[in-house]
PDB file of N, CA and C in Angstrom:
ATOM      1  N   MET A   1       8.337  93.817-101.557  1.00  0.00           N
ATOM      2  CA  MET A   1       9.297  93.699-102.110  1.00  0.00           C
ATOM      3  C   MET A   1       9.095  92.025-101.666  1.00  0.00           C
ATOM      4  N   PHE A   2       8.019  91.404-101.564  1.00  0.00           N
ATOM      5  CA  PHE A   2       7.623  90.145-102.616  1.00  0.00           C
ATOM      6  C   PHE A   2       7.917  90.303-103.818  1.00  0.00           C
ATOM      7  N   TYR A   3       7.335  91.845-105.193  1.00  0.00           N
ATOM      8  CA  TYR A   3       7.979  91.234-106.561  1.00  0.00           C
ATOM      9  C   TYR A   3       8.961  91.762-106.982  1.00  0.00           C
ATOM     10  N   ARG A   4      10.351  92.491-105.731  1.00  0.00           N
ATOM     11  CA  ARG A   4      11.484  92.385-106.514  1.00  0.00           C
ATOM     12  C   ARG A   4      11.866  91.291-106.054  1.00  0.00           C
ATOM     13  N   ILE A   5      11.876  90.230-105.607  1.00  0.00           N
ATOM     14  CA  ILE A   5      12.373  89.201-105.318  1.00  0.00           C
ATOM     15  C   ILE A   5      12.197  88.305-106.299  1.00  0.00           C
ATOM     16  N   ALA A   6      10.483  88.569-106.452  1.00  0.00           N
ATOM     17  CA  ALA A   6       9.776  87.470-107.244  1.00  0.00           C
ATOM     18  C   ALA A   6      10.825  87.887-109.211  1.00  0.00           C
ATOM     19  N   ALA A   7      10.750  89.144-109.339  1.00  0.00           N
ATOM     20  CA  ALA A   7      11.310  89.370-110.656  1.00  0.00           C
ATOM     21  C   ALA A   7      13.553  88.792-110.310  1.00  0.00           C
ATOM     22  N   ASP A   8      13.213  89.093-109.156  1.00  0.00           N
ATOM     23  CA  ASP A   8      15.334  88.412-109.081  1.00  0.00           C
ATOM     24  C   ASP A   8      15.662  86.753-109.166  1.00  0.00           C
ATOM     25  N   LEU A   9      14.374  86.050-108.740  1.00  0.00           N
ATOM     26  CA  LEU A   9      14.180  84.890-109.720  1.00  0.00           C
ATOM     27  C   LEU A   9      14.250  84.230-110.917  1.00  0.00           C
ATOM     28  N   VAL A  10      12.495  84.978-111.717  1.00  0.00           N
ATOM     29  CA  VAL A  10      13.111  85.404-112.998  1.00  0.00           C
ATOM     30  C   VAL A  10      14.053  85.108-113.655  1.00  0.00           C
ATOM     31  N   ILE A  11      14.422  86.771-113.244  1.00  0.00           N
ATOM     32  CA  ILE A  11      16.369  86.976-113.799  1.00  0.00           C
ATOM     33  C   ILE A  11      17.150  85.954-114.315  1.00  0.00           C
ATOM     34  N   PHE A  12      16.992  84.840-112.255  1.00  0.00           N
ATOM     35  CA  PHE A  12      17.896  83.829-112.288  1.00  0.00           C
ATOM     36  C   PHE A  12      17.239  83.145-113.653  1.00  0.00           C
ATOM     37  N   ILE A  13      16.510  82.403-113.086  1.00  0.00           N
ATOM     38  CA  ILE A  13      16.142  81.437-114.313  1.00  0.00           C
ATOM     39  C   ILE A  13      16.152  82.168-115.777  1.00  0.00           C
ATOM     40  N   HIS A  14      15.803  82.785-116.069  1.00  0.00           N
ATOM     41  CA  HIS A  14      16.368  83.658-117.489  1.00  0.00           C
ATOM     42  C   HIS A  14      17.929  82.787-118.141  1.00  0.00           C
ATOM     43  N   PHE A  15      18.614  83.609-116.806  1.00  0.00           N
ATOM     44  CA  PHE A  15      19.612  83.404-116.595  1.00  0.00           C
ATOM     45  C   PHE A  15      20.991  81.830-116.948  1.00  0.00           C
ATOM     46  N   LEU A  16      19.371  80.401-116.534  1.00  0.00           N
ATOM     47  CA  LEU A  16      19.505  79.428-116.578  1.00  0.00           C
ATOM     48  C   LEU A  16      19.640  79.035-117.660  1.00  0.00           C
ATOM     49  N   TRP A  17      18.537  79.348-118.183  1.00  0.00           N
ATOM     50  CA  TRP A  17      18.208  78.804-119.576  1.00  0.00           C
ATOM     51  C   TRP A  17      18.587  79.765-120.488  1.00  0.00           C
ATOM     52  N   ILE A  18      19.614  80.360-120.175  1.00  0.00           N
ATOM     53  CA  ILE A  18      20.241  81.167-121.138  1.00  0.00           C
ATOM     54  C   ILE A  18      22.484  80.040-121.209  1.00  0.00           C
ATOM     55  N   ALA A  19      22.058  79.418-120.366  1.00  0.00           N
ATOM     56  CA  ALA A  19      23.570  78.800-119.639  1.00  0.00           C
ATOM     57  C   ALA A  19      22.941  77.285-120.180  1.00  0.00           C
ATOM     58  N   PHE A  20      21.516  77.360-120.660  1.00  0.00           N
ATOM     59  CA  PHE A  20      21.115  75.267-121.034  1.00  0.00           C
ATOM     60  C   PHE A  20      21.538  75.680-122.197  1.00  0.00           C
ATOM     61  N   VAL A  21      20.762  77.221-123.951  1.00  0.00           N
ATOM     62  CA  VAL A  21      20.654  76.644-124.304  1.00  0.00           C
ATOM     63  C   VAL A  21      22.451  77.278-125.415  1.00  0.00           C
ATOM     64  N   ILE A  22      23.457  77.831-124.172  1.00  0.00           N
ATOM     65  CA  ILE A  22      25.066  77.747-124.598  1.00  0.00           C
ATOM     66  C   ILE A  22      25.486  76.526-124.335  1.00  0.00           C
ATOM     67  N   LEU A  23      25.237  76.895-122.752  1.00  0.00           N
ATOM     68  CA  LEU A  23      26.643  75.250-122.679  1.00  0.00           C
ATOM     69  C   LEU A  23      26.541  74.657-121.886  1.00  0.00           C
ATOM     70  N   GLY A  24      24.867  74.151-122.417  1.00  0.00           N
ATOM     71  CA  GLY A  24      24.398  72.216-122.472  1.00  0.00           C
ATOM     72  C   GLY A  24      24.523  71.929-124.345  1.00  0.00           C
ATOM     73  N   PHE A  25      24.901  72.821-125.198  1.00  0.00           N
ATOM     74  CA  PHE A  25      25.529  72.572-126.247  1.00  0.00           C
ATOM     75  C   PHE A  25      26.521  71.382-125.930  1.00  0.00           C
ATOM     76  N   PRO A  26      27.641  71.637-125.455  1.00  0.00           N
ATOM     77  CA  PRO A  26      28.824  70.924-124.921  1.00  0.00           C
ATOM     78  C   PRO A  26      29.011  69.843-124.326  1.00  0.00           C
ATOM     79  N   VAL A  27      28.504  70.056-123.869  1.00  0.00           N
ATOM     80  CA  VAL A  27      28.357  68.348-122.345  1.00  0.00           C
ATOM     81  C   VAL A  27      27.450  67.554-123.039  1.00  0.00           C
ATOM     82  N   PHE A  28      26.223  68.055-124.167  1.00  0.00           N
ATOM     83  CA  PHE A  28      24.866  66.107-123.973  1.00  0.00           C
ATOM     84  C   PHE A  28      25.669  66.106-125.510  1.00  0.00           C
ATOM     85  N   LEU A  29      26.906  67.073-126.531  1.00  0.00           N
ATOM     86  CA  LEU A  29      26.823  66.248-127.214  1.00  0.00           C
ATOM     87  C   LEU A  29      28.061  65.844-127.098  1.00  0.00           C
ATOM     88  N   TYR A  30      29.422  66.044-125.766  1.00  0.00           N
ATOM     89  CA  TYR A  30      30.070  65.298-125.312  1.00  0.00           C
ATOM     90  C   TYR A  30      29.514  63.641-124.736  1.00  0.00           C
ATOM     91  N   PHE A  31      28.227  63.547-124.682  1.00  0.00           N
ATOM     92  CA  PHE A  31      27.979  62.519-123.641  1.00  0.00           C
ATOM     93  C   PHE A  31      26.989  61.704-124.082  1.00  0.00           C
ATOM     94  N   ASN A  32      26.758  62.315-125.778  1.00  0.00           N
ATOM     95  CA  ASN A  32      25.524  61.965-126.631  1.00  0.00           C
ATOM     96  C   ASN A  32      24.076  61.502-125.858  1.00  0.00           C
ATOM     97  N   LEU A  33      24.077  62.617-125.678  1.00  0.00           N
ATOM     98  CA  LEU A  33      22.292  62.233-124.541  1.00  0.00           C
ATOM     99  C   LEU A  33      21.097  62.531-125.800  1.00  0.00           C
ATOM    100  N   PRO A  34      20.434  61.963-125.884  1.00  0.00           N
ATOM    101  CA  PRO A  34      19.866  62.451-126.827  1.00  0.00           C
ATOM    102  C   PRO A  34      18.549  62.880-126.926  1.00  0.00           C
ATOM    103  N   LYS A  35      17.931  62.908-125.884  1.00  0.00           N
ATOM    104  CA  LYS A  35      16.840  63.920-125.221  1.00  0.00           C
ATOM    105  C   LYS A  35      17.414  64.805-124.995  1.00  0.00           C
ATOM    106  N   TRP A  36      18.205  65.635-124.525  1.00  0.00           N
ATOM    107  CA  TRP A  36      18.808  66.551-124.182  1.00  0.00           C
ATOM    108  C   TRP A  36      18.786  67.112-125.275  1.00  0.00           C
ATOM    109  N   ARG A  37      19.634  66.314-126.309  1.00  0.00           N
ATOM    110  CA  ARG A  37      21.077  66.741-127.189  1.00  0.00           C
ATOM    111  C   ARG A  37      19.246  67.920-128.254  1.00  0.00           C
ATOM    112  N   VAL A  38      18.000  66.722-128.513  1.00  0.00           N
ATOM    113  CA  VAL A  38      17.252  66.955-128.633  1.00  0.00           C
ATOM    114  C   VAL A  38      16.331  68.781-128.796  1.00  0.00           C
ATOM    115  N   LEU A  39      15.871  67.930-127.643  1.00  0.00           N
ATOM    116  CA  LEU A  39      15.052  69.623-126.499  1.00  0.00           C
ATOM    117  C   LEU A  39      16.354  70.741-127.410  1.00  0.00           C
ATOM    118  N   HIS A  40      17.994  70.805-126.970  1.00  0.00           N
ATOM    119  CA  HIS A  40      18.502  71.582-126.756  1.00  0.00           C
ATOM    120  C   HIS A  40      17.720  72.328-128.210  1.00  0.00           C
ATOM    121  N   LEU A  41      18.164  71.178-129.441  1.00  0.00           N
ATOM    122  CA  LEU A  41      17.760  71.991-130.643  1.00  0.00           C
ATOM    123  C   LEU A  41      16.277  72.700-131.002  1.00  0.00           C
ATOM    124  N   VAL A  42      15.488  71.946-130.123  1.00  0.00           N
ATOM    125  CA  VAL A  42      14.515  72.375-130.149  1.00  0.00           C
ATOM    126  C   VAL A  42      14.368  73.872-128.907  1.00  0.00           C
ATOM    127  N   ALA A  43      15.265  74.540-128.335  1.00  0.00           N
ATOM    128  CA  ALA A  43      15.214  75.505-127.635  1.00  0.00           C
ATOM    129  C   ALA A  43      16.098  76.877-128.465  1.00  0.00           C
ATOM    130  N   LEU A  44      16.967  76.059-128.987  1.00  0.00           N
ATOM    131  CA  LEU A  44      17.963  77.224-130.068  1.00  0.00           C
ATOM    132  C   LEU A  44      17.085  76.852-131.079  1.00  0.00           C
ATOM    133  N   ILE A  45      16.167  76.715-131.690  1.00  0.00           N
ATOM    134  CA  ILE A  45      15.054  76.834-133.242  1.00  0.00           C
ATOM    135  C   ILE A  45      14.455  78.113-132.564  1.00  0.00           C
ATOM    136  N   ALA A  46      13.078  78.305-131.012  1.00  0.00           N
ATOM    137  CA  ALA A  46      13.117  78.749-130.404  1.00  0.00           C
ATOM    138  C   ALA A  46      13.731  79.659-130.856  1.00  0.00           C
ATOM    139  N   MET A  47      14.496  80.407-130.366  1.00  0.00           N
ATOM    140  CA  MET A  47      15.250  80.783-129.804  1.00  0.00           C
ATOM    141  C   MET A  47      15.786  81.899-131.104  1.00  0.00           C
ATOM    142  N   VAL A  48      16.348  81.296-132.324  1.00  0.00           N
ATOM    143  CA  VAL A  48      16.232  82.116-133.406  1.00  0.00           C
ATOM    144  C   VAL A  48      15.380  82.541-133.990  1.00  0.00           C
ATOM    145  N   VAL A  49      14.184  81.481-134.061  1.00  0.00           N
ATOM    146  CA  VAL A  49      12.668  82.072-134.723  1.00  0.00           C
ATOM    147  C   VAL A  49      12.158  83.834-133.821  1.00  0.00           C
ATOM    148  N   MET A  50      12.524  84.070-132.502  1.00  0.00           N
ATOM    149  CA  MET A  50      11.934  85.024-131.461  1.00  0.00           C
ATOM    150  C   MET A  50      13.253  86.281-132.197  1.00  0.00           C
ATOM    151  N   GLN A  51      14.693  85.531-132.252  1.00  0.00           N
ATOM    152  CA  GLN A  51      16.060  86.928-132.799  1.00  0.00           C
ATOM    153  C   GLN A  51      14.899  86.632-134.433  1.00  0.00           C
ATOM    154  N   LEU A  52      15.032  87.118-135.168  1.00  0.00           N
ATOM    155  CA  LEU A  52      14.702  86.566-136.213  1.00  0.00           C
ATOM    156  C   LEU A  52      13.188  87.812-137.042  1.00  0.00           C
ATOM    157  N   THR A  53      11.883  87.414-135.753  1.00  0.00           N
ATOM    158  CA  THR A  53      10.553  87.693-135.966  1.00  0.00           C
ATOM    159  C   THR A  53      11.222  89.014-134.598  1.00  0.00           C
ATOM    160  N   ARG A  54      11.764  89.094-134.296  1.00  0.00           N
ATOM    161  CA  ARG A  54      12.310  90.703-133.357  1.00  0.00           C
ATOM    162  C   ARG A  54      10.637  90.086-132.652  1.00  0.00           C
ATOM    163  N   THR A  55      10.938  89.591-131.886  1.00  0.00           N
ATOM    164  CA  THR A  55      10.287  88.857-130.440  1.00  0.00           C
ATOM    165  C   THR A  55      11.121  88.663-129.088  1.00  0.00           C
ATOM    166  N   ILE A  56      10.434  89.178-127.982  1.00  0.00           N
ATOM    167  CA  ILE A  56      11.084  89.186-127.066  1.00  0.00           C
ATOM    168  C   ILE A  56      10.884  88.438-125.836  1.00  0.00           C
ATOM    169  N   CYS A  57      11.737  87.775-125.287  1.00  0.00           N
ATOM    170  CA  CYS A  57      11.644  86.578-124.455  1.00  0.00           C
ATOM    171  C   CYS A  57      10.210  87.072-123.635  1.00  0.00           C
ATOM    172  N   PRO A  58       9.993  85.430-123.496  1.00  0.00           N
ATOM    173  CA  PRO A  58       7.609  86.342-121.721  1.00  0.00           C
ATOM    174  C   PRO A  58       8.835  86.102-120.921  1.00  0.00           C
ATOM    175  N   LEU A  59      10.733  86.236-120.893  1.00  0.00           N
ATOM    176  CA  LEU A  59      10.598  85.859-119.395  1.00  0.00           C
ATOM    177  C   LEU A  59      11.034  87.530-119.336  1.00  0.00           C
ATOM    178  N   THR A  60      11.356  88.246-120.069  1.00  0.00           N
ATOM    179  CA  THR A  60      11.937  90.178-120.662  1.00  0.00           C
ATOM    180  C   THR A  60      10.302  89.929-119.673  1.00  0.00           C
ATOM    181  N   TYR A  61       9.129  89.452-120.221  1.00  0.00           N
ATOM    182  CA  TYR A  61       8.183  91.053-120.587  1.00  0.00           C
ATOM    183  C   TYR A  61       7.912  90.240-118.937  1.00  0.00           C
ATOM    184  N   LEU A  62       8.385  89.376-118.196  1.00  0.00           N
ATOM    185  CA  LEU A  62       7.774  88.654-117.260  1.00  0.00           C
ATOM    186  C   LEU A  62       8.518  89.342-115.977  1.00  0.00           C
ATOM    187  N   GLU A  63      10.248  89.557-115.550  1.00  0.00           N
ATOM    188  CA  GLU A  63      10.544  90.462-115.432  1.00  0.00           C
ATOM    189  C   GLU A  63      10.419  91.846-115.424  1.00  0.00           C
ATOM    190  N   ALA A  64      10.120  92.432-116.466  1.00  0.00           N
ATOM    191  CA  ALA A  64       9.820  93.739-116.162  1.00  0.00           C
ATOM    192  C   ALA A  64       8.156  93.554-115.878  1.00  0.00           C
ATOM    193  N   TYR A  65       7.848  93.468-115.891  1.00  0.00           N
ATOM    194  CA  TYR A  65       5.799  93.511-114.986  1.00  0.00           C
ATOM    195  C   TYR A  65       6.377  93.145-113.369  1.00  0.00           C
ATOM    196  N   LEU A  66       7.032  92.149-113.084  1.00  0.00           N
ATOM    197  CA  LEU A  66       7.779  92.682-111.866  1.00  0.00           C
ATOM    198  C   LEU A  66       8.081  93.068-111.241  1.00  0.00           C
ATOM    199  N   LYS A  67       9.087  94.140-111.771  1.00  0.00           N
ATOM    200  CA  LYS A  67       9.835  95.275-111.020  1.00  0.00           C
ATOM    201  C   LYS A  67       8.798  96.208-111.518  1.00  0.00           C
ATOM    202  N   SER A  68       8.776  96.769-112.685  1.00  0.00           N
ATOM    203  CA  SER A  68       7.109  97.976-111.771  1.00  0.00           C
ATOM    204  C   SER A  68       6.118  97.524-111.431  1.00  0.00           C
ATOM    205  N   LYS A  69       6.036  96.530-110.864  1.00  0.00           N
ATOM    206  CA  LYS A  69       5.340  96.350-109.399  1.00  0.00           C
ATOM    207  C   LYS A  69       5.275  96.325-107.776  1.00  0.00           C
ATOM    208  N   GLY A  70       7.047  96.139-108.438  1.00  0.00           N
ATOM    209  CA  GLY A  70       7.963  95.934-106.346  1.00  0.00           C
ATOM    210  C   GLY A  70       9.089  97.833-106.670  1.00  0.00           C
ATOM    211  N   GLU A  71       8.691  97.231-105.173  1.00  0.00           N
ATOM    212  CA  GLU A  71       9.945  98.756-104.324  1.00  0.00           C
ATOM    213  C   GLU A  71      10.996  98.631-105.780  1.00  0.00           C
ATOM    214  N   SER A  72      11.175  99.209-106.578  1.00  0.00           N
ATOM    215  CA  SER A  72      13.339  99.104-107.539  1.00  0.00           C
ATOM    216  C   SER A  72      13.756  99.701-107.377  1.00  0.00           C
ATOM    217  N   ASN A  73      13.900 101.374-106.182  1.00  0.00           N
ATOM    218  CA  ASN A  73      14.702 100.921-105.429  1.00  0.00           C
ATOM    219  C   ASN A  73      15.391 100.570-103.724  1.00  0.00           C
ATOM    220  N   ARG A  74      14.532  99.729-103.189  1.00  0.00           N
ATOM    221  CA  ARG A  74      15.248  98.822-101.502  1.00  0.00           C
ATOM    222  C   ARG A  74      15.942  98.305-102.398  1.00  0.00           C
ATOM    223  N   VAL A  75      17.286  98.661-101.381  1.00  0.00           N
ATOM    224  CA  VAL A  75      18.255  97.175-101.724  1.00  0.00           C
ATOM    225  C   VAL A  75      18.015  96.186-100.573  1.00  0.00           C
ATOM    226  N   TYR A  76      18.819  95.087-100.448  1.00  0.00           N
ATOM    227  CA  TYR A  76      18.919  93.613 -99.843  1.00  0.00           C
ATOM    228  C   TYR A  76      19.262  92.907 -99.480  1.00  0.00           C
ATOM    229  N   PRO A  77      20.177  92.686 -99.166  1.00  0.00           N
ATOM    230  CA  PRO A  77      20.747  91.579 -99.184  1.00  0.00           C
ATOM    231  C   PRO A  77      20.743  90.568-100.550  1.00  0.00           C
ATOM    232  N   GLY A  78      21.711  89.899-101.534  1.00  0.00           N
ATOM    233  CA  GLY A  78      21.723  89.824-102.429  1.00  0.00           C
ATOM    234  C   GLY A  78      21.896  89.388-103.274  1.00  0.00           C
ATOM    235  N   GLN A  79      21.462  91.213-103.568  1.00  0.00           N
ATOM    236  CA  GLN A  79      20.848  92.159-104.555  1.00  0.00           C
ATOM    237  C   GLN A  79      21.957  92.110-105.715  1.00  0.00           C
ATOM    238  N   PHE A  80      22.950  92.901-104.869  1.00  0.00           N
ATOM    239  CA  PHE A  80      24.835  92.260-105.612  1.00  0.00           C
ATOM    240  C   PHE A  80      25.182  91.265-106.684  1.00  0.00           C
ATOM    241  N   THR A  81      24.468  90.212-106.197  1.00  0.00           N
ATOM    242  CA  THR A  81      24.628  88.854-107.540  1.00  0.00           C
ATOM    243  C   THR A  81      23.253  88.802-108.553  1.00  0.00           C
ATOM    244  N   ILE A  82      22.702  88.587-108.005  1.00  0.00           N
ATOM    245  CA  ILE A  82      21.473  89.229-109.112  1.00  0.00           C
ATOM    246  C   ILE A  82      21.848  90.773-110.564  1.00  0.00           C
ATOM    247  N   ASP A  83      21.892  92.117-109.612  1.00  0.00           N
ATOM    248  CA  ASP A  83      22.622  92.742-110.604  1.00  0.00           C
ATOM    249  C   ASP A  83      23.924  92.957-112.039  1.00  0.00           C
ATOM    250  N   ALA A  84      24.381  91.643-111.437  1.00  0.00           N
ATOM    251  CA  ALA A  84      26.054  90.942-112.216  1.00  0.00           C
ATOM    252  C   ALA A  84      25.043  90.550-113.178  1.00  0.00           C
ATOM    253  N   ILE A  85      23.922  88.858-112.554  1.00  0.00           N
ATOM    254  CA  ILE A  85      23.701  87.999-113.231  1.00  0.00           C
ATOM    255  C   ILE A  85      23.101  89.499-114.681  1.00  0.00           C
ATOM    256  N   GLU A  86      22.294  90.157-114.663  1.00  0.00           N
ATOM    257  CA  GLU A  86      21.242  90.872-115.030  1.00  0.00           C
ATOM    258  C   GLU A  86      21.965  91.466-116.654  1.00  0.00           C
ATOM    259  N   LYS A  87      23.555  92.108-115.933  1.00  0.00           N
ATOM    260  CA  LYS A  87      24.771  92.905-116.218  1.00  0.00           C
ATOM    261  C   LYS A  87      24.599  91.402-117.552  1.00  0.00           C
ATOM    262  N   LEU A  88      25.551  89.897-116.909  1.00  0.00           N
ATOM    263  CA  LEU A  88      25.635  89.634-118.027  1.00  0.00           C
ATOM    264  C   LEU A  88      24.890  88.694-119.709  1.00  0.00           C
ATOM    265  N   ILE A  89      23.445  88.698-118.868  1.00  0.00           N
ATOM    266  CA  ILE A  89      22.213  88.348-119.198  1.00  0.00           C
ATOM    267  C   ILE A  89      21.389  89.545-121.130  1.00  0.00           C
ATOM    268  N   TYR A  90      21.946  91.051-120.259  1.00  0.00           N
ATOM    269  CA  TYR A  90      21.724  92.191-121.111  1.00  0.00           C
ATOM    270  C   TYR A  90      22.646  92.812-120.650  1.00  0.00           C
ATOM    271  N   VAL A  91      23.779  92.594-122.094  1.00  0.00           N
ATOM    272  CA  VAL A  91      24.832  92.700-121.881  1.00  0.00           C
ATOM    273  C   VAL A  91      24.753  94.009-123.302  1.00  0.00           C
ATOM    274  N   GLU A  92      25.307  96.032-123.031  1.00  0.00           N
ATOM    275  CA  GLU A  92      24.563  96.564-123.838  1.00  0.00           C
ATOM    276  C   GLU A  92      25.162  97.149-124.571  1.00  0.00           C
ATOM    277  N   ASP A  93      26.633  96.213-124.900  1.00  0.00           N
ATOM    278  CA  ASP A  93      27.335  96.861-126.210  1.00  0.00           C
ATOM    279  C   ASP A  93      26.716  95.926-127.812  1.00  0.00           C
ATOM    280  N   LEU A  94      26.020  94.636-127.454  1.00  0.00           N
ATOM    281  CA  LEU A  94      25.505  94.036-128.755  1.00  0.00           C
ATOM    282  C   LEU A  94      24.386  94.638-129.021  1.00  0.00           C
ATOM    283  N   THR A  95      24.876  94.248-130.338  1.00  0.00           N
ATOM    284  CA  THR A  95      23.284  94.736-131.321  1.00  0.00           C
ATOM    285  C   THR A  95      22.425  93.736-130.947  1.00  0.00           C
ATOM    286  N   LEU A  96      20.748  93.728-131.652  1.00  0.00           N
ATOM    287  CA  LEU A  96      20.381  92.832-132.127  1.00  0.00           C
ATOM    288  C   LEU A  96      21.027  92.282-133.738  1.00  0.00           C
ATOM    289  N   GLU A  97      21.172  93.027-134.549  1.00  0.00           N
ATOM    290  CA  GLU A  97      22.328  91.997-135.348  1.00  0.00           C
ATOM    291  C   GLU A  97      22.690  90.864-135.249  1.00  0.00           C
ATOM    292  N   LYS A  98      24.041  91.782-134.183  1.00  0.00           N
ATOM    293  CA  LYS A  98      25.461  90.439-133.877  1.00  0.00           C
ATOM    294  C   LYS A  98      24.582  89.651-133.328  1.00  0.00           C
ATOM    295  N   ILE A  99      23.474  89.978-132.296  1.00  0.00           N
ATOM    296  CA  ILE A  99      22.925  88.084-131.688  1.00  0.00           C
ATOM    297  C   ILE A  99      22.445  87.116-132.653  1.00  0.00           C
ATOM    298  N   THR A 100      21.455  88.101-133.911  1.00  0.00           N
ATOM    299  CA  THR A 100      20.380  87.663-134.361  1.00  0.00           C
ATOM    300  C   THR A 100      21.674  86.805-135.520  1.00  0.00           C
ATOM    301  N   TYR A 101      22.663  86.974-135.588  1.00  0.00           N
ATOM    302  CA  TYR A 101      23.345  86.281-136.784  1.00  0.00           C
ATOM    303  C   TYR A 101      24.118  85.027-136.057  1.00  0.00           C
ATOM    304  N   ALA A 102      25.326  85.488-134.301  1.00  0.00           N
ATOM    305  CA  ALA A 102      25.634  84.631-133.363  1.00  0.00           C
ATOM    306  C   ALA A 102      24.609  83.299-133.454  1.00  0.00           C
ATOM    307  N   THR A 103      23.408  83.752-133.137  1.00  0.00           N
ATOM    308  CA  THR A 103      22.814  83.207-132.507  1.00  0.00           C
ATOM    309  C   THR A 103      22.265  81.511-134.199  1.00  0.00           C
ATOM    310  N   ILE A 104      22.376  82.147-135.800  1.00  0.00           N
ATOM    311  CA  ILE A 104      21.878  81.896-136.551  1.00  0.00           C
ATOM    312  C   ILE A 104      23.119  80.916-136.960  1.00  0.00           C
ATOM    313  N   ILE A 105      24.748  81.705-136.561  1.00  0.00           N
ATOM    314  CA  ILE A 105      25.461  80.825-136.940  1.00  0.00           C
ATOM    315  C   ILE A 105      25.968  79.290-136.470  1.00  0.00           C
ATOM    316  N   PHE A 106      25.331  79.382-134.557  1.00  0.00           N
ATOM    317  CA  PHE A 106      25.517  78.407-133.626  1.00  0.00           C
ATOM    318  C   PHE A 106      24.387  77.659-133.778  1.00  0.00           C
ATOM    319  N   LEU A 107      23.760  77.284-134.388  1.00  0.00           N
ATOM    320  CA  LEU A 107      22.382  76.483-134.745  1.00  0.00           C
ATOM    321  C   LEU A 107      23.010  76.442-135.803  1.00  0.00           C
ATOM    322  N   ALA A 108      23.770  76.913-137.638  1.00  0.00           N
ATOM    323  CA  ALA A 108      24.236  75.637-138.046  1.00  0.00           C
ATOM    324  C   ALA A 108      24.807  74.989-137.457  1.00  0.00           C
ATOM    325  N   PHE A 109      25.994  75.098-136.304  1.00  0.00           N
ATOM    326  CA  PHE A 109      26.918  74.846-135.907  1.00  0.00           C
ATOM    327  C   PHE A 109      26.699  73.280-135.383  1.00  0.00           C
ATOM    328  N   VAL A 110      24.814  73.180-134.660  1.00  0.00           N
ATOM    329  CA  VAL A 110      24.877  72.666-134.208  1.00  0.00           C
ATOM    330  C   VAL A 110      24.194  71.866-134.271  1.00  0.00           C
ATOM    331  N   LEU A 111      23.402  72.551-135.530  1.00  0.00           N
ATOM    332  CA  LEU A 111      22.888  70.881-136.415  1.00  0.00           C
ATOM    333  C   LEU A 111      23.701  70.825-137.336  1.00  0.00           C
ATOM    334  N   LEU A 112      24.242  71.248-137.716  1.00  0.00           N
ATOM    335  CA  LEU A 112      26.637  69.489-137.995  1.00  0.00           C
ATOM    336  C   LEU A 112      26.381  68.445-137.849  1.00  0.00           C
ATOM    337  N   THR A 113      26.493  69.487-136.009  1.00  0.00           N
ATOM    338  CA  THR A 113      27.122  67.855-134.809  1.00  0.00           C
ATOM    339  C   THR A 113      25.943  67.097-134.727  1.00  0.00           C
ATOM    340  N   PHE A 114      24.646  67.336-135.531  1.00  0.00           N
ATOM    341  CA  PHE A 114      23.750  65.950-135.655  1.00  0.00           C
ATOM    342  C   PHE A 114      24.088  65.096-137.006  1.00  0.00           C
ATOM    343  N   TRP A 115      24.695  65.735-138.304  1.00  0.00           N
ATOM    344  CA  TRP A 115      24.944  65.172-138.892  1.00  0.00           C
ATOM    345  C   TRP A 115      26.330  64.524-138.670  1.00  0.00           C
ATOM    346  N   LEU A 116      27.688  64.545-137.659  1.00  0.00           N
ATOM    347  CA  LEU A 116      29.048  64.507-137.899  1.00  0.00           C
ATOM    348  C   LEU A 116      28.535  64.040-136.506  1.00  0.00           C
ATOM    349  N   LYS A 117      27.981  63.396-135.474  1.00  0.00           N
ATOM    350  CA  LYS A 117      27.126  62.760-134.127  1.00  0.00           C
ATOM    351  C   LYS A 117      26.102  62.135-134.283  1.00  0.00           C
ATOM    352  N   PRO A 118      26.028  61.689-135.108  1.00  0.00           N
ATOM    353  CA  PRO A 118      24.823  61.082-135.550  1.00  0.00           C
ATOM    354  C   PRO A 118      23.562  61.450-133.476  1.00  0.00           C
ATOM    355  N   VAL A 119      22.348  61.668-133.404  1.00  0.00           N
ATOM    356  CA  VAL A 119      21.999  61.032-132.695  1.00  0.00           C
ATOM    357  C   VAL A 119      21.691  59.164-132.058  1.00  0.00           C
ATOM    358  N   THR A 120      21.590  58.633-131.108  1.00  0.00           N
ATOM    359  CA  THR A 120      21.687  57.606-130.786  1.00  0.00           C
ATOM    360  C   THR A 120      21.121  57.291-130.357  1.00  0.00           C
ATOM    361  N   LEU A 121      19.529  56.845-130.553  1.00  0.00           N
ATOM    362  CA  LEU A 121      18.530  56.282-129.225  1.00  0.00           C
ATOM    363  C   LEU A 121      18.963  54.318-128.971  1.00  0.00           C
ATOM    364  N   LYS A 122      19.074  54.484-127.801  1.00  0.00           N
ATOM    365  CA  LYS A 122      19.604  53.220-127.621  1.00  0.00           C
ATOM    366  C   LYS A 122      18.364  52.281-126.800  1.00  0.00           C
ATOM    367  N   LYS A 123      17.628  51.086-127.496  1.00  0.00           N
ATOM    368  CA  LYS A 123      16.420  49.828-127.389  1.00  0.00           C
ATOM    369  C   LYS A 123      17.041  49.567-126.203  1.00  0.00           C
ATOM    370  N   GLN A 124      15.549  49.853-125.422  1.00  0.00           N
ATOM    371  CA  GLN A 124      15.635  48.871-124.336  1.00  0.00           C
ATOM    372  C   GLN A 124      15.318  47.359-125.090  1.00  0.00           C
ATOM    373  N   THR A 125      15.570  45.973-124.030  1.00  0.00           N
ATOM    374  CA  THR A 125      15.200  44.941-124.179  1.00  0.00           C
ATOM    375  C   THR A 125      14.796  45.052-122.895  1.00  0.00           C
ATOM    376  N   ARG A 126      13.330  44.217-123.500  1.00  0.00           N
ATOM    377  CA  ARG A 126      12.783  43.109-121.449  1.00  0.00           C
ATOM    378  C   ARG A 126      12.609  41.841-121.625  1.00  0.00           C
ATOM    379  N   GLY A 127      13.535  41.713-120.448  1.00  0.00           N
ATOM    380  CA  GLY A 127      13.907  40.338-119.927  1.00  0.00           C
ATOM    381  C   GLY A 127      13.231  39.330-119.349  1.00  0.00           C
TER     382      GLY A 127
END
């Protein structure tokens, strides 16, 4: 049971990571949070590199390992939510090529926003 719950926790963290990369962008752009915009850009570049090199996300490996150690056929309360999140992460109809193209286009858009709305670092003055 421990491994199954640990695998579910990894799935949830994986979902939060994807949400950060996709949904964090408009929030960080709107509020122009420099550190978060740069962190978001680095995360997006890492995802593009993973797509281009056909590398599988380390969270996916960890999730598969934990699932292989656990009793996969046992059901417990809350499993439906994790199953729904897993379907959002691993969409069946998307090919690797489509994901790669979408990620590259998204990266280009994010880079364009750095040019249109530059990151402004506020200097703190000591008084």
